[in-house]
Amino acid sequence: MFMTKKQAQLLLLAAGVLMLLFGVWRGEADTVFSKAIRLCMECVGIG
């Protein structure tokens, strides 16, 4: 069973959306956001 390019793209897009939603559900968005803030403050020299 071979997939067309469009089917493969849709499958990968759906997998990506599901992984994103799973990360948000687990509370990973807050962790990533806080790490991003710290990293930006270190680059600017504030933190």
PDB file of N, CA and C in Angstrom:
ATOM      1  N   MET A   1       0.846  -1.182   0.000  1.00  0.00           N
ATOM      2  CA  MET A   1       0.000   0.000   0.000  1.00  0.00           C
ATOM      3  C   MET A   1       0.887   1.238   0.000  1.00  0.00           C
ATOM      4  N   PHE A   2       0.844   1.974  -1.076  1.00  0.00           N
ATOM      5  CA  PHE A   2       1.639   3.194  -1.185  1.00  0.00           C
ATOM      6  C   PHE A   2       0.745   4.409  -1.005  1.00  0.00           C
ATOM      7  N   MET A   3       1.298   5.418  -0.348  1.00  0.00           N
ATOM      8  CA  MET A   3       0.551   6.655  -0.138  1.00  0.00           C
ATOM      9  C   MET A   3       0.953   7.673  -1.189  1.00  0.00           C
ATOM     10  N   THR A   4       0.017   8.505  -1.521  1.00  0.00           N
ATOM     11  CA  THR A   4       0.370   9.618  -2.382  1.00  0.00           C
ATOM     12  C   THR A   4       1.052  10.676  -1.528  1.00  0.00           C
ATOM     13  N   LYS A   5       1.657  11.629  -2.176  1.00  0.00           N
ATOM     14  CA  LYS A   5       2.355  12.699  -1.458  1.00  0.00           C
ATOM     15  C   LYS A   5       1.383  13.473  -0.569  1.00  0.00           C
ATOM     16  N   LYS A   6       0.207  13.749  -1.074  1.00  0.00           N
ATOM     17  CA  LYS A   6      -0.787  14.506  -0.308  1.00  0.00           C
ATOM     18  C   LYS A   6      -1.244  13.732   0.934  1.00  0.00           C
ATOM     19  N   GLN A   7      -1.437  12.442   0.799  1.00  0.00           N
ATOM     20  CA  GLN A   7      -1.838  11.620   1.943  1.00  0.00           C
ATOM     21  C   GLN A   7      -0.742  11.593   3.007  1.00  0.00           C
ATOM     22  N   ALA A   8       0.504  11.476   2.580  1.00  0.00           N
ATOM     23  CA  ALA A   8       1.624  11.471   3.519  1.00  0.00           C
ATOM     24  C   ALA A   8       1.718  12.808   4.243  1.00  0.00           C
ATOM     25  N   GLN A   9       1.516  13.897   3.516  1.00  0.00           N
ATOM     26  CA  GLN A   9       1.558  15.221   4.134  1.00  0.00           C
ATOM     27  C   GLN A   9       0.454  15.376   5.177  1.00  0.00           C
ATOM     28  N   LEU A  10      -0.741  14.930   4.852  1.00  0.00           N
ATOM     29  CA  LEU A  10      -1.860  15.027   5.790  1.00  0.00           C
ATOM     30  C   LEU A  10      -1.635  14.156   7.018  1.00  0.00           C
ATOM     31  N   LEU A  11      -1.068  12.969   6.821  1.00  0.00           N
ATOM     32  CA  LEU A  11      -0.779  12.079   7.938  1.00  0.00           C
ATOM     33  C   LEU A  11       0.257  12.708   8.872  1.00  0.00           C
ATOM     34  N   LEU A  12       1.315  13.278   8.311  1.00  0.00           N
ATOM     35  CA  LEU A  12       2.349  13.919   9.132  1.00  0.00           C
ATOM     36  C   LEU A  12       1.813  15.169   9.824  1.00  0.00           C
ATOM     37  N   LEU A  13       0.960  15.922   9.154  1.00  0.00           N
ATOM     38  CA  LEU A  13       0.355  17.101   9.762  1.00  0.00           C
ATOM     39  C   LEU A  13      -0.527  16.696  10.940  1.00  0.00           C
ATOM     40  N   ALA A  14      -1.326  15.663  10.760  1.00  0.00           N
ATOM     41  CA  ALA A  14      -2.197  15.187  11.840  1.00  0.00           C
ATOM     42  C   ALA A  14      -1.366  14.676  13.018  1.00  0.00           C
ATOM     43  N   ALA A  15      -0.276  13.972  12.737  1.00  0.00           N
ATOM     44  CA  ALA A  15       0.598  13.476  13.806  1.00  0.00           C
ATOM     45  C   ALA A  15       1.215  14.645  14.567  1.00  0.00           C
ATOM     46  N   GLY A  16       1.642  15.670  13.849  1.00  0.00           N
ATOM     47  CA  GLY A  16       2.226  16.846  14.488  1.00  0.00           C
ATOM     48  C   GLY A  16       1.227  17.574  15.370  1.00  0.00           C
ATOM     49  N   VAL A  17       0.015  17.723  14.896  1.00  0.00           N
ATOM     50  CA  VAL A  17      -1.027  18.395  15.685  1.00  0.00           C
ATOM     51  C   VAL A  17      -1.348  17.583  16.934  1.00  0.00           C
ATOM     52  N   LEU A  18      -1.433  16.270  16.788  1.00  0.00           N
ATOM     53  CA  LEU A  18      -1.702  15.425  17.955  1.00  0.00           C
ATOM     54  C   LEU A  18      -0.585  15.518  18.986  1.00  0.00           C
ATOM     55  N   MET A  19       0.681  15.541  18.537  1.00  0.00           N
ATOM     56  CA  MET A  19       1.802  15.669  19.465  1.00  0.00           C
ATOM     57  C   MET A  19       1.789  17.028  20.152  1.00  0.00           C
ATOM     58  N   LEU A  20       1.458  18.063  19.418  1.00  0.00           N
ATOM     59  CA  LEU A  20       1.373  19.404  19.992  1.00  0.00           C
ATOM     60  C   LEU A  20       0.289  19.455  21.065  1.00  0.00           C
ATOM     61  N   LEU A  21      -0.879  18.914  20.769  1.00  0.00           N
ATOM     62  CA  LEU A  21      -1.967  18.906  21.741  1.00  0.00           C
ATOM     63  C   LEU A  21      -1.627  18.058  22.971  1.00  0.00           C
ATOM     64  N   PHE A  22      -0.933  16.958  22.770  1.00  0.00           N
ATOM     65  CA  PHE A  22      -0.529  16.115  23.892  1.00  0.00           C
ATOM     66  C   PHE A  22       0.448  16.869  24.798  1.00  0.00           C
ATOM     67  N   GLY A  23       1.378  17.625  24.209  1.00  0.00           N
ATOM     68  CA  GLY A  23       2.315  18.416  24.997  1.00  0.00           C
ATOM     69  C   GLY A  23       1.615  19.511  25.778  1.00  0.00           C
ATOM     70  N   VAL A  24       0.649  20.157  25.174  1.00  0.00           N
ATOM     71  CA  VAL A  24      -0.122  21.190  25.874  1.00  0.00           C
ATOM     72  C   VAL A  24      -0.920  20.566  27.006  1.00  0.00           C
ATOM     73  N   TRP A  25      -1.506  19.410  26.765  1.00  0.00           N
ATOM     74  CA  TRP A  25      -2.288  18.709  27.782  1.00  0.00           C
ATOM     75  C   TRP A  25      -1.433  18.349  28.991  1.00  0.00           C
ATOM     76  N   ARG A  26      -0.148  18.001  28.741  1.00  0.00           N
ATOM     77  CA  ARG A  26       0.756  17.627  29.831  1.00  0.00           C
ATOM     78  C   ARG A  26       1.356  18.832  30.547  1.00  0.00           C
ATOM     79  N   GLY A  27       1.112  20.034  30.047  1.00  0.00           N
ATOM     80  CA  GLY A  27       1.641  21.229  30.689  1.00  0.00           C
ATOM     81  C   GLY A  27       3.031  21.597  30.221  1.00  0.00           C
ATOM     82  N   GLU A  28       3.468  21.037  29.118  1.00  0.00           N
ATOM     83  CA  GLU A  28       4.805  21.310  28.611  1.00  0.00           C
ATOM     84  C   GLU A  28       4.928  22.721  28.033  1.00  0.00           C
ATOM     85  N   ALA A  29       3.819  23.318  27.640  1.00  0.00           N
ATOM     86  CA  ALA A  29       3.881  24.660  27.055  1.00  0.00           C
ATOM     87  C   ALA A  29       4.414  25.662  28.065  1.00  0.00           C
ATOM     88  N   ASP A  30       4.003  25.545  29.315  1.00  0.00           N
ATOM     89  CA  ASP A  30       4.495  26.449  30.355  1.00  0.00           C
ATOM     90  C   ASP A  30       5.996  26.286  30.560  1.00  0.00           C
ATOM     91  N   THR A  31       6.466  25.056  30.540  1.00  0.00           N
ATOM     92  CA  THR A  31       7.894  24.787  30.717  1.00  0.00           C
ATOM     93  C   THR A  31       8.699  25.393  29.577  1.00  0.00           C
ATOM     94  N   VAL A  32       8.260  25.162  28.356  1.00  0.00           N
ATOM     95  CA  VAL A  32       8.972  25.682  27.192  1.00  0.00           C
ATOM     96  C   VAL A  32       8.958  27.201  27.198  1.00  0.00           C
ATOM     97  N   PHE A  33       7.833  27.796  27.541  1.00  0.00           N
ATOM     98  CA  PHE A  33       7.715  29.252  27.560  1.00  0.00           C
ATOM     99  C   PHE A  33       8.648  29.862  28.606  1.00  0.00           C
ATOM    100  N   SER A  34       8.718  29.264  29.792  1.00  0.00           N
ATOM    101  CA  SER A  34       9.597  29.815  30.835  1.00  0.00           C
ATOM    102  C   SER A  34      11.069  29.666  30.448  1.00  0.00           C
ATOM    103  N   LYS A  35      11.430  28.561  29.814  1.00  0.00           N
ATOM    104  CA  LYS A  35      12.816  28.382  29.362  1.00  0.00           C
ATOM    105  C   LYS A  35      13.153  29.372  28.253  1.00  0.00           C
ATOM    106  N   ALA A  36      12.205  29.648  27.382  1.00  0.00           N
ATOM    107  CA  ALA A  36      12.438  30.610  26.300  1.00  0.00           C
ATOM    108  C   ALA A  36      12.651  32.011  26.858  1.00  0.00           C
ATOM    109  N   ILE A  37      11.902  32.373  27.871  1.00  0.00           N
ATOM    110  CA  ILE A  37      12.066  33.693  28.491  1.00  0.00           C
ATOM    111  C   ILE A  37      13.443  33.813  29.109  1.00  0.00           C
ATOM    112  N   ARG A  38      13.864  32.779  29.844  1.00  0.00           N
ATOM    113  CA  ARG A  38      15.191  32.820  30.471  1.00  0.00           C
ATOM    114  C   ARG A  38      16.294  32.904  29.435  1.00  0.00           C
ATOM    115  N   LEU A  39      16.162  32.139  28.358  1.00  0.00           N
ATOM    116  CA  LEU A  39      17.169  32.151  27.302  1.00  0.00           C
ATOM    117  C   LEU A  39      17.268  33.526  26.660  1.00  0.00           C
ATOM    118  N   CYS A  40      16.147  34.142  26.359  1.00  0.00           N
ATOM    119  CA  CYS A  40      16.152  35.481  25.744  1.00  0.00           C
ATOM    120  C   CYS A  40      16.758  36.507  26.684  1.00  0.00           C
ATOM    121  N   MET A  41      16.447  36.416  27.965  1.00  0.00           N
ATOM    122  CA  MET A  41      17.003  37.381  28.919  1.00  0.00           C
ATOM    123  C   MET A  41      18.515  37.210  29.057  1.00  0.00           C
ATOM    124  N   GLU A  42      19.009  35.971  28.957  1.00  0.00           N
ATOM    125  CA  GLU A  42      20.441  35.738  29.014  1.00  0.00           C
ATOM    126  C   GLU A  42      21.128  36.284  27.774  1.00  0.00           C
ATOM    127  N   CYS A  43      20.494  36.139  26.618  1.00  0.00           N
ATOM    128  CA  CYS A  43      21.096  36.641  25.374  1.00  0.00           C
ATOM    129  C   CYS A  43      21.205  38.159  25.389  1.00  0.00           C
ATOM    130  N   VAL A  44      20.193  38.825  25.934  1.00  0.00           N
ATOM    131  CA  VAL A  44      20.203  40.281  25.992  1.00  0.00           C
ATOM    132  C   VAL A  44      21.135  40.759  27.094  1.00  0.00           C
ATOM    133  N   GLY A  45      21.340  39.930  28.097  1.00  0.00           N
ATOM    134  CA  GLY A  45      22.221  40.296  29.192  1.00  0.00           C
ATOM    135  C   GLY A  45      21.496  40.796  30.422  1.00  0.00           C
ATOM    136  N   ILE A  46      20.198  40.596  30.487  1.00  0.00           N
ATOM    137  CA  ILE A  46      19.415  41.075  31.625  1.00  0.00           C
ATOM    138  C   ILE A  46      19.466  40.054  32.753  1.00  0.00           C
ATOM    139  N   GLY A  47      19.327  38.788  32.428  1.00  0.00           N
ATOM    140  CA  GLY A  47      19.228  37.752  33.448  1.00  0.00           C
ATOM    141  C   GLY A  47      20.488  37.115  33.693  1.00  0.00           C
TER     142      GLY A  47
END
